[in-house]
Amino acid sequence: MGIQTSSINNGPTSGFKNAIINGNFDFWQRGTSVNVNAGYAADRWRLDLVGSSCTLSQQTFTVGQTQVPGNPTFWMRSVVASVAGAANYANVIQAIEDVRTFSGQQVTISYWAKADSSKPIAVSFGQYFGTSGSPSASVTLFVAKPTLTTSWARYSHTITLPSISGKTIGSDQNGSALVIAFNFDAGSNFNSSTGSLGQQSGTFDIAQVQLERGPIATDFEQRPIGTELALCQRYYQFFTELACNPAVSSGSAMVQSFPLMNQMRAAPGVIYTNKYGSVNFIFADTNGITLNDGARDGAARWGAENVALSAEY
């Protein structure tokens, strides 16, 4: 008896064919509704815009729905309000670590999508070579401009990515990346990278995004949920109530370290709220967080309520 490919690609021992992380939009560590000038919403997905505005939110499928296969729980909604301007745009991107990923190879991007009315979107790739030293200039590729309808449908596009032979990659921690972009609104400055998409407002829904090697869009890969979370935590982690309760006298310096849930891609930036007690500063590297009682006042309890660590691009 032969083994069916779908059982390998979708079971608990699937082979990580999908280069997209959180393509099922299960994880939103920063919150499930984000209205920002630019920044991350769903884990690994970043809103980029100029001039126009956009709100991203997590939406929930009806239990038992059959329009999108595989029983997904969530999708991502982008509500765009376009503002006219040649340099204005709104898109959602994911930066896949290391520009070497799939370079010179044929790949297929697939996803499910719909809109509030018949509207096009543009899909593009970018090869980003980092920022330090003498890296090569970024390369942007227009992939496709499908027209979405008001019903869920699956779209797939195949392209051969350029070779990076002869290119120079920067050595800074921002790193290099292969970037996939869903463009919803684009002024005329971006005609070449969006297939002259143009400017438009509207609601755009996307689910089950997959990028894989080869010319065929296979079934969406269902990785174990814990594995997918660990992949997200390489780029973003969030902690609540990091507290220390030292039994020391005043004048003794205290340093407390906490391990991270998973090693991060690079030394993360630290965002915290409500330091209390005698915490002087909070530091993090790829493996842990350190709280420093720089005031040396022997406070009975000190720490920070919320600490967010980001090693995103």
Protein backbone atom coordinates (compact mmCIF):
# COMPACT_ATOMS: atom_id res chain seq x y z
CA MET A 1 0.00 0.00 0.00
CA GLY A 2 1.39 3.44 -0.93
CA ILE A 3 1.65 6.28 1.57
CA GLN A 4 -0.41 9.33 0.67
CA THR A 5 1.55 12.57 0.57
CA SER A 6 -1.12 14.50 2.46
CA SER A 7 -0.67 12.28 5.52
CA ILE A 8 2.99 13.28 5.68
CA ASN A 9 2.47 16.97 5.02
CA ASN A 10 -0.37 17.48 7.49
CA GLY A 11 0.25 15.11 10.39
CA PRO A 12 2.19 15.63 13.61
CA THR A 13 5.44 14.55 11.92
CA SER A 14 5.10 16.94 8.98
CA GLY A 15 8.33 18.11 7.42
CA PHE A 16 8.32 21.91 7.82
CA LYS A 17 7.73 22.50 4.13
CA ASN A 18 6.09 25.86 4.87
CA ALA A 19 8.60 28.72 5.29
CA ILE A 20 5.87 31.00 6.64
CA ILE A 21 5.51 31.10 10.44
CA ASN A 22 1.99 31.55 11.88
CA GLY A 23 0.43 31.21 8.44
CA ASN A 24 -2.75 30.06 10.20
CA PHE A 25 -2.86 33.29 12.28
CA ASP A 26 -3.24 31.39 15.56
CA PHE A 27 -0.86 33.55 17.60
CA TRP A 28 -1.36 37.25 18.42
CA GLN A 29 0.86 37.83 21.46
CA ARG A 30 0.60 41.61 21.06
CA GLY A 31 -3.22 41.61 20.99
CA THR A 32 -5.91 40.55 18.55
CA SER A 33 -6.83 44.01 17.24
CA VAL A 34 -4.10 46.42 16.20
CA ASN A 35 -4.50 49.92 14.77
CA VAL A 36 -1.00 51.30 14.37
CA ASN A 37 0.97 53.55 12.04
CA ALA A 38 3.18 50.54 11.37
CA GLY A 39 4.16 47.50 13.36
CA TYR A 40 3.47 43.90 14.21
CA ALA A 41 0.02 42.43 14.86
CA ALA A 42 -0.32 38.68 14.42
CA ASP A 43 2.99 37.08 15.31
CA ARG A 44 5.53 37.47 12.48
CA TRP A 45 3.14 39.65 10.41
CA ARG A 46 3.96 43.36 10.14
CA LEU A 47 1.78 46.19 8.90
CA ASP A 48 3.69 48.65 6.70
CA LEU A 49 2.05 51.87 5.52
CA VAL A 50 2.55 55.49 4.60
CA GLY A 51 -0.25 58.04 4.31
CA SER A 52 -3.09 55.53 4.28
CA SER A 53 -4.35 53.78 7.44
CA CYS A 54 -5.15 50.18 8.26
CA THR A 55 -6.54 48.16 11.16
CA LEU A 56 -5.58 44.49 11.56
CA SER A 57 -7.65 42.04 13.60
CA GLN A 58 -7.98 38.35 14.33
CA GLN A 59 -11.24 36.87 13.05
CA THR A 60 -12.73 33.49 13.97
CA PHE A 61 -14.15 30.92 11.58
CA THR A 62 -17.55 29.42 12.36
CA VAL A 63 -17.10 25.95 13.79
CA GLY A 64 -17.76 23.37 11.09
CA GLN A 65 -17.44 25.76 8.15
CA THR A 66 -16.43 24.08 4.89
CA GLN A 67 -15.33 27.01 2.72
CA VAL A 68 -11.70 26.83 3.86
CA PRO A 69 -10.48 23.25 4.40
CA GLY A 70 -8.50 21.90 7.31
CA ASN A 71 -10.71 23.37 10.06
CA PRO A 72 -8.67 26.54 10.67
CA THR A 73 -9.68 28.55 13.73
CA PHE A 74 -8.65 32.07 12.68
CA TRP A 75 -7.91 34.40 9.82
CA MET A 76 -6.45 37.92 9.56
CA ARG A 77 -8.58 40.91 8.52
CA SER A 78 -7.08 44.14 7.14
CA VAL A 79 -9.38 47.17 6.92
CA VAL A 80 -7.73 49.81 4.73
CA ALA A 81 -8.60 53.49 4.42
CA SER A 82 -6.69 54.81 1.41
CA VAL A 83 -5.35 58.35 1.19
CA ALA A 84 -4.35 59.54 -2.28
CA GLY A 85 -0.65 60.05 -2.84
CA ALA A 86 2.01 58.58 -5.13
CA ALA A 87 4.11 57.52 -2.13
CA ASN A 88 1.21 56.21 -0.03
CA TYR A 89 0.60 52.52 0.51
CA ALA A 90 -0.62 49.81 2.90
CA ASN A 91 0.59 46.23 2.99
CA VAL A 92 1.18 43.31 5.32
CA ILE A 93 4.51 41.48 5.20
CA GLN A 94 6.44 38.62 6.71
CA ALA A 95 10.24 38.66 6.72
CA ILE A 96 11.54 35.09 6.44
CA GLU A 97 14.91 34.83 8.15
CA ASP A 98 17.98 34.70 5.84
CA VAL A 99 17.94 35.93 2.24
CA ARG A 100 19.52 32.62 1.24
CA THR A 101 16.11 31.00 1.75
CA PHE A 102 14.95 29.56 -1.60
CA SER A 103 17.38 31.81 -3.53
CA GLY A 104 17.65 30.70 -7.16
CA GLN A 105 14.83 28.19 -6.66
CA GLN A 106 11.27 27.83 -7.85
CA VAL A 107 8.72 28.46 -5.10
CA THR A 108 4.95 28.58 -4.76
CA ILE A 109 3.00 30.92 -2.50
CA SER A 110 -0.58 29.89 -1.68
CA TYR A 111 -3.30 31.38 0.53
CA TRP A 112 -7.05 31.71 0.97
CA ALA A 113 -8.53 35.18 0.60
CA LYS A 114 -11.66 37.29 0.12
CA ALA A 115 -12.68 40.97 0.22
CA ASP A 116 -15.74 43.08 0.92
CA SER A 117 -16.26 43.48 -2.84
CA SER A 118 -14.42 42.50 -6.00
CA LYS A 119 -10.95 43.97 -5.47
CA PRO A 120 -7.39 43.17 -6.58
CA ILE A 121 -4.43 42.73 -4.30
CA ALA A 122 -0.77 42.41 -5.30
CA VAL A 123 1.66 39.81 -4.04
CA SER A 124 5.36 40.59 -4.13
CA PHE A 125 8.68 39.22 -2.88
CA GLY A 126 11.73 41.10 -1.69
CA GLN A 127 15.29 39.94 -1.08
CA TYR A 128 16.78 42.06 1.71
CA PHE A 129 20.53 41.82 2.33
CA GLY A 130 20.89 43.56 5.72
CA THR A 131 22.11 47.01 6.70
CA SER A 132 25.71 46.92 7.97
CA GLY A 133 28.96 46.79 6.05
CA SER A 134 28.46 46.92 2.30
CA PRO A 135 25.36 44.81 1.66
CA SER A 136 23.80 44.57 -1.77
CA ALA A 137 20.72 46.60 -2.62
CA SER A 138 17.35 44.99 -1.97
CA VAL A 139 15.61 43.23 -4.85
CA THR A 140 11.81 43.53 -5.19
CA LEU A 141 9.77 41.23 -7.42
CA PHE A 142 6.14 41.58 -8.50
CA VAL A 143 4.52 38.13 -8.34
CA ALA A 144 0.80 38.40 -9.12
CA LYS A 145 -2.31 40.61 -8.94
CA PRO A 146 -5.35 38.40 -8.34
CA THR A 147 -8.84 39.84 -8.02
CA LEU A 148 -10.54 38.73 -4.83
CA THR A 149 -14.28 38.14 -4.54
CA THR A 150 -16.60 38.16 -1.54
CA SER A 151 -16.23 34.38 -1.14
CA TRP A 152 -13.24 32.47 0.18
CA ALA A 153 -11.04 31.12 -2.63
CA ARG A 154 -7.57 29.68 -2.79
CA TYR A 155 -4.90 31.45 -4.81
CA SER A 156 -1.43 30.23 -5.71
CA HIS A 157 1.47 31.77 -7.63
CA THR A 158 4.75 30.19 -8.73
CA ILE A 159 7.97 32.12 -9.31
CA THR A 160 11.69 31.43 -9.56
CA LEU A 161 13.53 33.64 -7.10
CA PRO A 162 16.74 35.32 -8.26
CA SER A 163 20.10 33.83 -7.36
CA ILE A 164 22.11 35.75 -4.77
CA SER A 165 25.39 34.81 -6.42
CA GLY A 166 27.74 37.81 -6.29
CA LYS A 167 25.65 39.61 -3.65
CA THR A 168 26.98 40.92 -0.33
CA ILE A 169 25.09 40.22 2.89
CA GLY A 170 25.33 42.61 5.86
CA SER A 171 26.60 41.30 9.19
CA ASP A 172 24.42 43.28 11.63
CA GLN A 173 21.79 41.71 13.84
CA ASN A 174 18.98 43.12 11.68
CA GLY A 175 20.05 40.39 9.30
CA SER A 176 18.96 39.47 5.83
CA ALA A 177 15.55 38.18 4.84
CA LEU A 178 13.23 36.98 2.12
CA VAL A 179 10.14 39.19 2.42
CA ILE A 180 6.64 38.27 1.24
CA ALA A 181 4.15 41.14 0.95
CA PHE A 182 0.39 41.33 0.48
CA ASN A 183 -0.24 44.79 -1.00
CA PHE A 184 -3.72 46.28 -0.58
CA ASP A 185 -3.20 49.95 -1.47
CA ALA A 186 -0.31 51.33 -3.52
CA GLY A 187 0.41 54.75 -4.99
CA SER A 188 1.99 55.11 -8.41
CA ASN A 189 5.53 55.02 -6.98
CA PHE A 190 5.01 51.29 -6.47
CA ASN A 191 3.62 50.37 -9.88
CA SER A 192 6.58 48.15 -10.77
CA SER A 193 6.41 46.09 -7.57
CA THR A 194 2.61 45.83 -7.43
CA GLY A 195 1.63 45.46 -11.10
CA SER A 196 0.11 48.96 -11.00
CA LEU A 197 -2.30 47.92 -8.25
CA GLY A 198 -3.41 51.48 -7.57
CA GLN A 199 -5.07 52.96 -4.50
CA GLN A 200 -8.17 51.55 -2.87
CA SER A 201 -9.94 51.22 0.44
CA GLY A 202 -11.63 48.06 1.64
CA THR A 203 -11.64 44.99 3.82
CA PHE A 204 -9.25 42.16 2.93
CA ASP A 205 -9.26 38.72 4.61
CA ILE A 206 -6.39 36.22 4.37
CA ALA A 207 -6.00 32.70 5.78
CA GLN A 208 -3.63 29.72 5.56
CA VAL A 209 -0.58 31.33 3.96
CA GLN A 210 2.07 28.88 2.75
CA LEU A 211 5.38 29.31 0.91
CA GLU A 212 7.05 26.13 -0.27
CA ARG A 213 9.66 24.89 -2.69
CA GLY A 214 8.49 23.72 -6.12
CA PRO A 215 5.77 24.46 -8.69
CA ILE A 216 2.79 22.93 -6.84
CA ALA A 217 0.64 24.35 -4.05
CA THR A 218 0.19 21.40 -1.70
CA ASP A 219 -2.21 21.15 1.25
CA PHE A 220 -1.58 23.64 4.03
CA GLU A 221 0.89 22.22 6.56
CA GLN A 222 -0.63 21.75 10.03
CA ARG A 223 2.31 21.83 12.41
CA PRO A 224 1.81 20.98 16.11
CA ILE A 225 0.50 24.08 17.88
CA GLY A 226 3.34 24.06 20.44
CA THR A 227 5.89 23.91 17.65
CA GLU A 228 4.32 26.89 15.90
CA LEU A 229 4.36 28.92 19.12
CA ALA A 230 8.05 28.11 19.65
CA LEU A 231 8.80 29.36 16.12
CA CYS A 232 7.00 32.63 16.95
CA GLN A 233 8.92 33.00 20.21
CA ARG A 234 12.21 33.11 18.33
CA TYR A 235 11.09 36.63 17.34
CA TYR A 236 8.81 37.84 20.15
CA GLN A 237 8.19 36.90 23.79
CA PHE A 238 6.00 38.47 26.44
CA PHE A 239 6.29 38.13 30.22
CA THR A 240 4.07 39.33 33.03
CA GLU A 241 5.07 40.04 36.63
CA LEU A 242 8.82 39.46 36.63
CA ALA A 243 9.33 39.95 40.36
CA CYS A 244 12.14 39.49 42.87
CA ASN A 245 11.76 39.16 46.63
CA PRO A 246 15.29 39.44 48.03
CA ALA A 247 15.96 39.03 51.73
CA VAL A 248 18.91 41.42 51.80
CA SER A 249 19.82 44.52 53.74
CA SER A 250 19.99 47.97 52.31
CA GLY A 251 23.15 48.69 50.34
CA SER A 252 23.51 45.23 48.79
CA ALA A 253 23.36 45.13 45.01
CA MET A 254 20.97 42.56 43.52
CA VAL A 255 20.84 41.08 40.02
CA GLN A 256 18.15 38.59 39.05
CA SER A 257 18.09 36.62 35.78
CA PHE A 258 15.23 34.78 34.11
CA PRO A 259 15.58 32.30 31.22
CA LEU A 260 13.68 32.89 27.99
CA MET A 261 11.08 30.45 26.75
CA ASN A 262 13.10 29.90 23.57
CA GLN A 263 16.36 31.31 22.23
CA MET A 264 15.71 34.43 20.17
CA ARG A 265 16.99 35.29 16.70
CA ALA A 266 19.09 38.22 17.93
CA ALA A 267 19.54 40.28 21.07
CA PRO A 268 16.00 41.63 21.53
CA GLY A 269 14.76 45.10 22.16
CA VAL A 270 13.08 45.43 25.57
CA ILE A 271 9.76 47.18 26.20
CA TYR A 272 8.46 47.18 29.76
CA THR A 273 5.71 48.77 31.82
CA ASN A 274 5.58 49.79 35.46
CA LYS A 275 8.99 49.07 36.93
CA TYR A 276 8.62 48.90 40.68
CA GLY A 277 10.83 48.64 43.74
CA SER A 278 14.46 49.38 43.06
CA VAL A 279 14.87 48.08 39.49
CA ASN A 280 17.42 50.28 37.74
CA PHE A 281 17.40 48.68 34.30
CA ILE A 282 16.25 45.60 32.40
CA PHE A 283 18.56 43.87 29.95
CA ALA A 284 18.02 40.90 27.62
CA ASP A 285 20.12 38.81 25.29
CA THR A 286 19.16 35.85 23.11
CA ASN A 287 18.82 33.52 26.11
CA GLY A 288 17.58 35.49 29.13
CA ILE A 289 16.38 38.64 30.91
CA THR A 290 18.34 40.36 33.67
CA LEU A 291 16.84 42.76 36.21
CA ASN A 292 19.37 44.97 37.98
CA ASP A 293 18.76 46.56 41.38
CA GLY A 294 21.08 49.42 40.57
CA ALA A 295 19.69 51.58 43.36
CA ARG A 296 21.15 49.09 45.90
CA ASP A 297 18.43 49.94 48.40
CA GLY A 298 17.49 46.39 49.37
CA ALA A 299 13.83 46.81 48.39
CA ALA A 300 11.74 43.92 49.62
CA ARG A 301 10.16 43.41 46.21
CA TRP A 302 11.18 44.74 42.82
CA GLY A 303 10.60 43.91 39.18
CA ALA A 304 8.40 44.86 36.23
CA GLU A 305 4.78 44.07 35.49
CA ASN A 306 5.04 43.47 31.73
CA VAL A 307 8.15 42.83 29.66
CA ALA A 308 8.04 42.40 25.88
CA LEU A 309 11.07 41.24 23.92
CA SER A 310 11.26 41.70 20.17
CA ALA A 311 13.91 40.34 17.80
CA GLU A 312 11.84 41.08 14.72
CA TYR A 313 13.22 42.82 11.65
